[in-house]
PDB file of N, CA and C in Angstrom:
ATOM      1  N   MET A   1    -168.636 129.201  62.177  1.00  0.00           N
ATOM      2  CA  MET A   1    -167.904 129.212  60.923  1.00  0.00           C
ATOM      3  C   MET A   1    -168.568 128.196  59.989  1.00  0.00           C
ATOM      4  N   SER A   2    -168.781 128.592  58.789  1.00  0.00           N
ATOM      5  CA  SER A   2    -169.446 127.718  57.832  1.00  0.00           C
ATOM      6  C   SER A   2    -168.443 126.762  57.186  1.00  0.00           C
ATOM      7  N   PHE A   3    -168.994 125.758  56.575  1.00  0.00           N
ATOM      8  CA  PHE A   3    -168.173 124.753  55.916  1.00  0.00           C
ATOM      9  C   PHE A   3    -167.408 125.359  54.737  1.00  0.00           C
ATOM     10  N   ILE A   4    -168.022 126.261  54.012  1.00  0.00           N
ATOM     11  CA  ILE A   4    -167.364 126.921  52.865  1.00  0.00           C
ATOM     12  C   ILE A   4    -166.170 127.731  53.349  1.00  0.00           C
ATOM     13  N   GLN A   5    -166.337 128.445  54.461  1.00  0.00           N
ATOM     14  CA  GLN A   5    -165.230 129.239  55.014  1.00  0.00           C
ATOM     15  C   GLN A   5    -164.088 128.318  55.462  1.00  0.00           C
ATOM     16  N   TYR A   6    -164.447 127.170  56.030  1.00  0.00           N
ATOM     17  CA  TYR A   6    -163.434 126.193  56.454  1.00  0.00           C
ATOM     18  C   TYR A   6    -162.613 125.726  55.251  1.00  0.00           C
ATOM     19  N   LEU A   7    -163.280 125.423  54.124  1.00  0.00           N
ATOM     20  CA  LEU A   7    -162.574 124.988  52.925  1.00  0.00           C
ATOM     21  C   LEU A   7    -161.671 126.088  52.367  1.00  0.00           C
ATOM     22  N   LYS A   8    -162.132 127.336  52.415  1.00  0.00           N
ATOM     23  CA  LYS A   8    -161.317 128.464  51.930  1.00  0.00           C
ATOM     24  C   LYS A   8    -160.077 128.639  52.794  1.00  0.00           C
ATOM     25  N   ASP A   9    -160.245 128.517  54.125  1.00  0.00           N
ATOM     26  CA  ASP A   9    -159.103 128.648  55.040  1.00  0.00           C
ATOM     27  C   ASP A   9    -158.110 127.501  54.848  1.00  0.00           C
ATOM     28  N   THR A  10    -158.638 126.317  54.640  1.00  0.00           N
ATOM     29  CA  THR A  10    -157.773 125.163  54.422  1.00  0.00           C
ATOM     30  C   THR A  10    -156.970 125.330  53.142  1.00  0.00           C
ATOM     31  N   ARG A  11    -157.626 125.801  52.094  1.00  0.00           N
ATOM     32  CA  ARG A  11    -156.918 126.023  50.834  1.00  0.00           C
ATOM     33  C   ARG A  11    -155.845 127.105  50.999  1.00  0.00           C
ATOM     34  N   GLY A  12    -156.152 128.144  51.747  1.00  0.00           N
ATOM     35  CA  GLY A  12    -155.168 129.194  51.994  1.00  0.00           C
ATOM     36  C   GLY A  12    -153.962 128.672  52.760  1.00  0.00           C
ATOM     37  N   GLU A  13    -154.200 127.789  53.739  1.00  0.00           N
ATOM     38  CA  GLU A  13    -153.086 127.224  54.505  1.00  0.00           C
ATOM     39  C   GLU A  13    -152.226 126.305  53.644  1.00  0.00           C
ATOM     40  N   LEU A  14    -152.846 125.603  52.721  1.00  0.00           N
ATOM     41  CA  LEU A  14    -152.078 124.706  51.856  1.00  0.00           C
ATOM     42  C   LEU A  14    -151.136 125.468  50.926  1.00  0.00           C
ATOM     43  N   HIS A  15    -151.412 126.742  50.679  1.00  0.00           N
ATOM     44  CA  HIS A  15    -150.500 127.556  49.859  1.00  0.00           C
ATOM     45  C   HIS A  15    -149.232 127.897  50.634  1.00  0.00           C
ATOM     46  N   HIS A  16    -149.264 127.827  51.964  1.00  0.00           N
ATOM     47  CA  HIS A  16    -148.097 128.131  52.790  1.00  0.00           C
ATOM     48  C   HIS A  16    -147.186 126.920  52.991  1.00  0.00           C
ATOM     49  N   VAL A  17    -147.651 125.750  52.601  1.00  0.00           N
ATOM     50  CA  VAL A  17    -146.872 124.524  52.795  1.00  0.00           C
ATOM     51  C   VAL A  17    -145.721 124.504  51.798  1.00  0.00           C
ATOM     52  N   ALA A  18    -144.526 124.115  52.285  1.00  0.00           N
ATOM     53  CA  ALA A  18    -143.351 123.981  51.423  1.00  0.00           C
ATOM     54  C   ALA A  18    -143.364 122.565  50.843  1.00  0.00           C
ATOM     55  N   TRP A  19    -143.967 122.420  49.672  1.00  0.00           N
ATOM     56  CA  TRP A  19    -144.074 121.114  49.046  1.00  0.00           C
ATOM     57  C   TRP A  19    -142.743 120.715  48.435  1.00  0.00           C
ATOM     58  N   PRO A  20    -142.360 119.415  48.503  1.00  0.00           N
ATOM     59  CA  PRO A  20    -141.091 118.994  47.900  1.00  0.00           C
ATOM     60  C   PRO A  20    -141.195 119.012  46.374  1.00  0.00           C
ATOM     61  N   THR A  21    -140.051 119.172  45.752  1.00  0.00           N
ATOM     62  CA  THR A  21    -140.021 119.145  44.287  1.00  0.00           C
ATOM     63  C   THR A  21    -140.169 117.705  43.801  1.00  0.00           C
ATOM     64  N   GLN A  22    -140.320 117.544  42.504  1.00  0.00           N
ATOM     65  CA  GLN A  22    -140.473 116.205  41.941  1.00  0.00           C
ATOM     66  C   GLN A  22    -139.216 115.373  42.172  1.00  0.00           C
ATOM     67  N   VAL A  23    -138.050 116.001  42.037  1.00  0.00           N
ATOM     68  CA  VAL A  23    -136.786 115.281  42.243  1.00  0.00           C
ATOM     69  C   VAL A  23    -136.666 114.844  43.707  1.00  0.00           C
ATOM     70  N   GLN A  24    -137.014 115.734  44.641  1.00  0.00           N
ATOM     71  CA  GLN A  24    -136.962 115.379  46.055  1.00  0.00           C
ATOM     72  C   GLN A  24    -137.907 114.217  46.369  1.00  0.00           C
ATOM     73  N   THR A  25    -139.094 114.248  45.793  1.00  0.00           N
ATOM     74  CA  THR A  25    -140.064 113.181  46.024  1.00  0.00           C
ATOM     75  C   THR A  25    -139.527 111.844  45.519  1.00  0.00           C
ATOM     76  N   ILE A  26    -138.901 111.840  44.353  1.00  0.00           N
ATOM     77  CA  ILE A  26    -138.338 110.606  43.793  1.00  0.00           C
ATOM     78  C   ILE A  26    -137.201 110.101  44.669  1.00  0.00           C
ATOM     79  N   VAL A  27    -136.319 111.011  45.088  1.00  0.00           N
ATOM     80  CA  VAL A  27    -135.177 110.624  45.925  1.00  0.00           C
ATOM     81  C   VAL A  27    -135.656 110.068  47.258  1.00  0.00           C
ATOM     82  N   TYR A  28    -136.617 110.728  47.891  1.00  0.00           N
ATOM     83  CA  TYR A  28    -137.136 110.259  49.180  1.00  0.00           C
ATOM     84  C   TYR A  28    -137.840 108.909  49.039  1.00  0.00           C
ATOM     85  N   THR A  29    -138.549 108.716  47.934  1.00  0.00           N
ATOM     86  CA  THR A  29    -139.231 107.441  47.705  1.00  0.00           C
ATOM     87  C   THR A  29    -138.222 106.318  47.549  1.00  0.00           C
ATOM     88  N   ILE A  30    -137.175 106.549  46.762  1.00  0.00           N
ATOM     89  CA  ILE A  30    -136.128 105.538  46.576  1.00  0.00           C
ATOM     90  C   ILE A  30    -135.433 105.255  47.908  1.00  0.00           C
ATOM     91  N   LEU A  31    -135.184 106.293  48.685  1.00  0.00           N
ATOM     92  CA  LEU A  31    -134.546 106.122  49.984  1.00  0.00           C
ATOM     93  C   LEU A  31    -135.407 105.274  50.923  1.00  0.00           C
ATOM     94  N   VAL A  32    -136.698 105.528  50.951  1.00  0.00           N
ATOM     95  CA  VAL A  32    -137.596 104.757  51.801  1.00  0.00           C
ATOM     96  C   VAL A  32    -137.633 103.295  51.362  1.00  0.00           C
ATOM     97  N   VAL A  33    -137.673 103.052  50.054  1.00  0.00           N
ATOM     98  CA  VAL A  33    -137.692 101.674  49.543  1.00  0.00           C
ATOM     99  C   VAL A  33    -136.397 100.959  49.910  1.00  0.00           C
ATOM    100  N   LEU A  34    -135.254 101.608  49.734  1.00  0.00           N
ATOM    101  CA  LEU A  34    -133.966 100.980  50.051  1.00  0.00           C
ATOM    102  C   LEU A  34    -133.823 100.693  51.544  1.00  0.00           C
ATOM    103  N   VAL A  35    -134.216 101.622  52.376  1.00  0.00           N
ATOM    104  CA  VAL A  35    -134.147 101.400  53.828  1.00  0.00           C
ATOM    105  C   VAL A  35    -135.088 100.268  54.231  1.00  0.00           C
ATOM    106  N   SER A  36    -136.269 100.210  53.631  1.00  0.00           N
ATOM    107  CA  SER A  36    -137.209  99.135  53.940  1.00  0.00           C
ATOM    108  C   SER A  36    -136.649  97.774  53.544  1.00  0.00           C
ATOM    109  N   ILE A  37    -136.031  97.688  52.385  1.00  0.00           N
ATOM    110  CA  ILE A  37    -135.422  96.432  51.941  1.00  0.00           C
ATOM    111  C   ILE A  37    -134.283  96.044  52.869  1.00  0.00           C
ATOM    112  N   PHE A  38    -133.448  97.012  53.250  1.00  0.00           N
ATOM    113  CA  PHE A  38    -132.326  96.727  54.154  1.00  0.00           C
ATOM    114  C   PHE A  38    -132.830  96.200  55.502  1.00  0.00           C
ATOM    115  N   VAL A  39    -133.845  96.838  56.059  1.00  0.00           N
ATOM    116  CA  VAL A  39    -134.391  96.400  57.354  1.00  0.00           C
ATOM    117  C   VAL A  39    -135.018  95.010  57.218  1.00  0.00           C
ATOM    118  N   ALA A  40    -135.716  94.750  56.128  1.00  0.00           N
ATOM    119  CA  ALA A  40    -136.324  93.429  55.918  1.00  0.00           C
ATOM    120  C   ALA A  40    -135.247  92.350  55.813  1.00  0.00           C
ATOM    121  N   LEU A  41    -134.177  92.622  55.077  1.00  0.00           N
ATOM    122  CA  LEU A  41    -133.097  91.650  54.962  1.00  0.00           C
ATOM    123  C   LEU A  41    -132.402  91.433  56.306  1.00  0.00           C
ATOM    124  N   TYR A  42    -132.171  92.500  57.041  1.00  0.00           N
ATOM    125  CA  TYR A  42    -131.526  92.393  58.350  1.00  0.00           C
ATOM    126  C   TYR A  42    -132.364  91.555  59.303  1.00  0.00           C
ATOM    127  N   LEU A  43    -133.653  91.845  59.381  1.00  0.00           N
ATOM    128  CA  LEU A  43    -134.527  91.085  60.280  1.00  0.00           C
ATOM    129  C   LEU A  43    -134.687  89.639  59.811  1.00  0.00           C
ATOM    130  N   GLY A  44    -134.760  89.432  58.503  1.00  0.00           N
ATOM    131  CA  GLY A  44    -134.856  88.068  57.977  1.00  0.00           C
ATOM    132  C   GLY A  44    -133.609  87.260  58.280  1.00  0.00           C
ATOM    133  N   LEU A  45    -132.440  87.874  58.142  1.00  0.00           N
ATOM    134  CA  LEU A  45    -131.184  87.193  58.460  1.00  0.00           C
ATOM    135  C   LEU A  45    -131.102  86.877  59.945  1.00  0.00           C
ATOM    136  N   PHE A  46    -131.483  87.830  60.776  1.00  0.00           N
ATOM    137  CA  PHE A  46    -131.491  87.610  62.223  1.00  0.00           C
ATOM    138  C   PHE A  46    -132.443  86.472  62.577  1.00  0.00           C
ATOM    139  N   ASP A  47    -133.625  86.456  61.986  1.00  0.00           N
ATOM    140  CA  ASP A  47    -134.606  85.406  62.253  1.00  0.00           C
ATOM    141  C   ASP A  47    -134.071  84.048  61.798  1.00  0.00           C
ATOM    142  N   PHE A  48    -133.442  84.001  60.644  1.00  0.00           N
ATOM    143  CA  PHE A  48    -132.878  82.751  60.144  1.00  0.00           C
ATOM    144  C   PHE A  48    -131.821  82.214  61.094  1.00  0.00           C
ATOM    145  N   HIS A  49    -130.901  83.071  61.532  1.00  0.00           N
ATOM    146  CA  HIS A  49    -129.851  82.630  62.447  1.00  0.00           C
ATOM    147  C   HIS A  49    -130.422  82.214  63.801  1.00  0.00           C
ATOM    148  N   PHE A  50    -131.413  82.941  64.276  1.00  0.00           N
ATOM    149  CA  PHE A  50    -132.012  82.617  65.566  1.00  0.00           C
ATOM    150  C   PHE A  50    -132.720  81.270  65.515  1.00  0.00           C
ATOM    151  N   THR A  51    -133.539  81.038  64.495  1.00  0.00           N
ATOM    152  CA  THR A  51    -134.277  79.777  64.413  1.00  0.00           C
ATOM    153  C   THR A  51    -133.343  78.607  64.128  1.00  0.00           C
ATOM    154  N   THR A  52    -132.309  78.815  63.321  1.00  0.00           N
ATOM    155  CA  THR A  52    -131.343  77.758  63.059  1.00  0.00           C
ATOM    156  C   THR A  52    -130.585  77.395  64.326  1.00  0.00           C
ATOM    157  N   GLY A  53    -130.155  78.413  65.058  1.00  0.00           N
ATOM    158  CA  GLY A  53    -129.448  78.163  66.321  1.00  0.00           C
ATOM    159  C   GLY A  53    -130.334  77.477  67.337  1.00  0.00           C
ATOM    160  N   LEU A  54    -131.582  77.885  67.419  1.00  0.00           N
ATOM    161  CA  LEU A  54    -132.516  77.264  68.358  1.00  0.00           C
ATOM    162  C   LEU A  54    -132.764  75.806  67.982  1.00  0.00           C
ATOM    163  N   ALA A  55    -132.915  75.524  66.702  1.00  0.00           N
ATOM    164  CA  ALA A  55    -133.129  74.140  66.257  1.00  0.00           C
ATOM    165  C   ALA A  55    -131.910  73.282  66.577  1.00  0.00           C
ATOM    166  N   ARG A  56    -130.726  73.802  66.357  1.00  0.00           N
ATOM    167  CA  ARG A  56    -129.511  73.041  66.688  1.00  0.00           C
ATOM    168  C   ARG A  56    -129.413  72.800  68.179  1.00  0.00           C
ATOM    169  N   PHE A  57    -129.762  73.797  68.982  1.00  0.00           N
ATOM    170  CA  PHE A  57    -129.725  73.647  70.434  1.00  0.00           C
ATOM    171  C   PHE A  57    -130.721  72.585  70.894  1.00  0.00           C
ATOM    172  N   LEU A  58    -131.919  72.594  70.313  1.00  0.00           N
ATOM    173  CA  LEU A  58    -132.930  71.615  70.708  1.00  0.00           C
ATOM    174  C   LEU A  58    -132.553  70.201  70.275  1.00  0.00           C
ATOM    175  N   ASN A  59    -131.794  70.062  69.205  1.00  0.00           N
ATOM    176  CA  ASN A  59    -131.343  68.740  68.776  1.00  0.00           C
ATOM    177  C   ASN A  59    -130.268  68.180  69.697  1.00  0.00           C
ATOM    178  N   VAL A  60    -129.574  69.039  70.433  1.00  0.00           N
ATOM    179  CA  VAL A  60    -128.532  68.602  71.353  1.00  0.00           C
ATOM    180  C   VAL A  60    -129.153  68.041  72.626  1.00  0.00           C
ATOM    181  N   LEU A  61    -130.329  68.501  72.986  1.00  0.00           N
ATOM    182  CA  LEU A  61    -130.990  68.048  74.207  1.00  0.00           C
ATOM    183  C   LEU A  61    -131.330  66.564  74.108  1.00  0.00           C
ATOM    184  N   PRO A  62    -131.428  65.900  75.257  1.00  0.00           N
ATOM    185  CA  PRO A  62    -131.785  64.465  75.220  1.00  0.00           C
ATOM    186  C   PRO A  62    -133.165  64.256  74.591  1.00  0.00           C
ATOM    187  N   GLN A  63    -133.276  63.168  73.863  1.00  0.00           N
ATOM    188  CA  GLN A  63    -134.509  62.896  73.138  1.00  0.00           C
ATOM    189  C   GLN A  63    -135.510  62.078  73.940  1.00  0.00           C
ATOM    190  N   GLU A  64    -135.084  61.488  75.072  1.00  0.00           N
ATOM    191  CA  GLU A  64    -136.000  60.644  75.835  1.00  0.00           C
ATOM    192  C   GLU A  64    -136.963  61.496  76.652  1.00  0.00           C
ATOM    193  N   ASN A  65    -138.120  60.969  76.882  1.00  0.00           N
ATOM    194  CA  ASN A  65    -139.135  61.658  77.662  1.00  0.00           C
ATOM    195  C   ASN A  65    -139.059  61.155  79.102  1.00  0.00           C
ATOM    196  N   PRO A  66    -138.681  61.986  80.071  1.00  0.00           N
ATOM    197  CA  PRO A  66    -138.524  61.507  81.448  1.00  0.00           C
ATOM    198  C   PRO A  66    -139.858  61.261  82.147  1.00  0.00           C
ATOM    199  N   ILE A  67    -140.949  61.717  81.598  1.00  0.00           N
ATOM    200  CA  ILE A  67    -142.244  61.545  82.243  1.00  0.00           C
ATOM    201  C   ILE A  67    -142.884  60.271  81.704  1.00  0.00           C
ATOM    202  N   THR A  68    -143.272  59.383  82.609  1.00  0.00           N
ATOM    203  CA  THR A  68    -143.919  58.148  82.222  1.00  0.00           C
ATOM    204  C   THR A  68    -145.372  58.216  82.646  1.00  0.00           C
ATOM    205  N   ILE A  69    -146.253  57.930  81.728  1.00  0.00           N
ATOM    206  CA  ILE A  69    -147.684  57.982  82.015  1.00  0.00           C
ATOM    207  C   ILE A  69    -148.198  56.549  82.053  1.00  0.00           C
ATOM    208  N   THR A  70    -148.794  56.206  83.159  1.00  0.00           N
ATOM    209  CA  THR A  70    -149.377  54.873  83.270  1.00  0.00           C
ATOM    210  C   THR A  70    -150.874  55.021  83.424  1.00  0.00           C
ATOM    211  N   GLN A  71    -151.602  54.070  82.876  1.00  0.00           N
ATOM    212  CA  GLN A  71    -153.049  54.141  82.933  1.00  0.00           C
ATOM    213  C   GLN A  71    -153.528  53.362  84.153  1.00  0.00           C
ATOM    214  N   GLN A  72    -154.346  54.011  84.955  1.00  0.00           N
ATOM    215  CA  GLN A  72    -154.899  53.389  86.152  1.00  0.00           C
ATOM    216  C   GLN A  72    -156.227  52.732  85.803  1.00  0.00           C
ATOM    217  N   PRO A  73    -156.584  51.658  86.515  1.00  0.00           N
ATOM    218  CA  PRO A  73    -157.888  51.050  86.265  1.00  0.00           C
ATOM    219  C   PRO A  73    -159.011  52.019  86.589  1.00  0.00           C
ATOM    220  N   ILE A  74    -160.010  52.051  85.770  1.00  0.00           N
ATOM    221  CA  ILE A  74    -161.105  52.992  85.955  1.00  0.00           C
ATOM    222  C   ILE A  74    -161.996  52.571  87.116  1.00  0.00           C
ATOM    223  N   SER A  75    -162.148  51.277  87.370  1.00  0.00           N
ATOM    224  CA  SER A  75    -163.089  50.807  88.387  1.00  0.00           C
ATOM    225  C   SER A  75    -162.692  51.215  89.801  1.00  0.00           C
ATOM    226  N   ASP A  76    -161.437  51.531  90.045  1.00  0.00           N
ATOM    227  CA  ASP A  76    -161.001  51.925  91.383  1.00  0.00           C
ATOM    228  C   ASP A  76    -161.342  53.374  91.702  1.00  0.00           C
ATOM    229  N   SER A  77    -161.698  54.124  90.719  1.00  0.00           N
ATOM    230  CA  SER A  77    -161.953  55.542  90.925  1.00  0.00           C
ATOM    231  C   SER A  77    -163.352  55.751  91.507  1.00  0.00           C
ATOM    232  N   PRO A  78    -163.484  56.601  92.552  1.00  0.00           N
ATOM    233  CA  PRO A  78    -164.804  56.853  93.119  1.00  0.00           C
ATOM    234  C   PRO A  78    -165.653  57.776  92.247  1.00  0.00           C
ATOM    235  N   PHE A  79    -165.069  58.368  91.232  1.00  0.00           N
ATOM    236  CA  PHE A  79    -165.771  59.347  90.413  1.00  0.00           C
ATOM    237  C   PHE A  79    -166.290  58.755  89.105  1.00  0.00           C
ATOM    238  N   VAL A  80    -166.285  57.433  88.998  1.00  0.00           N
ATOM    239  CA  VAL A  80    -166.703  56.803  87.752  1.00  0.00           C
ATOM    240  C   VAL A  80    -168.221  56.836  87.663  1.00  0.00           C
ATOM    241  N   VAL A  81    -168.707  57.241  86.544  1.00  0.00           N
ATOM    242  CA  VAL A  81    -170.141  57.226  86.283  1.00  0.00           C
ATOM    243  C   VAL A  81    -170.415  56.017  85.415  1.00  0.00           C
ATOM    244  N   GLU A  82    -171.287  55.137  85.889  1.00  0.00           N
ATOM    245  CA  GLU A  82    -171.568  53.930  85.131  1.00  0.00           C
ATOM    246  C   GLU A  82    -172.388  54.284  83.904  1.00  0.00           C
ATOM    247  N   GLN A  83    -172.097  53.599  82.835  1.00  0.00           N
ATOM    248  CA  GLN A  83    -172.823  53.838  81.605  1.00  0.00           C
ATOM    249  C   GLN A  83    -174.159  53.104  81.657  1.00  0.00           C
ATOM    250  N   VAL A  84    -175.182  53.778  81.253  1.00  0.00           N
ATOM    251  CA  VAL A  84    -176.517  53.198  81.208  1.00  0.00           C
ATOM    252  C   VAL A  84    -176.828  52.919  79.758  1.00  0.00           C
ATOM    253  N   SER A  85    -177.201  51.682  79.473  1.00  0.00           N
ATOM    254  CA  SER A  85    -177.517  51.378  78.081  1.00  0.00           C
ATOM    255  C   SER A  85    -178.939  51.823  77.814  1.00  0.00           C
ATOM    256  N   THR A  86    -179.104  52.438  76.716  1.00  0.00           N
ATOM    257  CA  THR A  86    -180.428  52.932  76.346  1.00  0.00           C
ATOM    258  C   THR A  86    -180.916  52.126  75.160  1.00  0.00           C
ATOM    259  N   THR A  87    -181.784  51.183  75.445  1.00  0.00           N
ATOM    260  CA  THR A  87    -182.365  50.392  74.372  1.00  0.00           C
ATOM    261  C   THR A  87    -183.853  50.625  74.372  1.00  0.00           C
ATOM    262  N   THR A  88    -184.392  50.670  73.246  1.00  0.00           N
ATOM    263  CA  THR A  88    -185.840  50.885  73.138  1.00  0.00           C
ATOM    264  C   THR A  88    -186.499  49.594  72.701  1.00  0.00           C
ATOM    265  N   THR A  89    -187.647  49.318  73.269  1.00  0.00           N
ATOM    266  CA  THR A  89    -188.401  48.136  72.858  1.00  0.00           C
ATOM    267  C   THR A  89    -189.635  48.593  72.099  1.00  0.00           C
ATOM    268  N   GLN A  90    -189.934  47.842  71.104  1.00  0.00           N
ATOM    269  CA  GLN A  90    -191.082  48.214  70.274  1.00  0.00           C
ATOM    270  C   GLN A  90    -192.232  47.301  70.471  1.00  0.00           C
TER     271      GLN A  90
END
């Protein structure tokens, strides 16, 4: 089948499509915009309440850090690599 025949068949099939009227297109577009805004507001409100609740919950938790980190002397470690000073003489 040639490319020209493909284009003719495609054009013929497009004549069988039930295209919406201008009024239907406008109504559907407005409907999609309104539903999108509603979903965005719903998700934004849910996110706001979730993050606010989580922040309040985290503020209730104790603020002290139970883990204490102490620094050990480096010289006691068997894995210490001694630093070699690199000086050049001229």
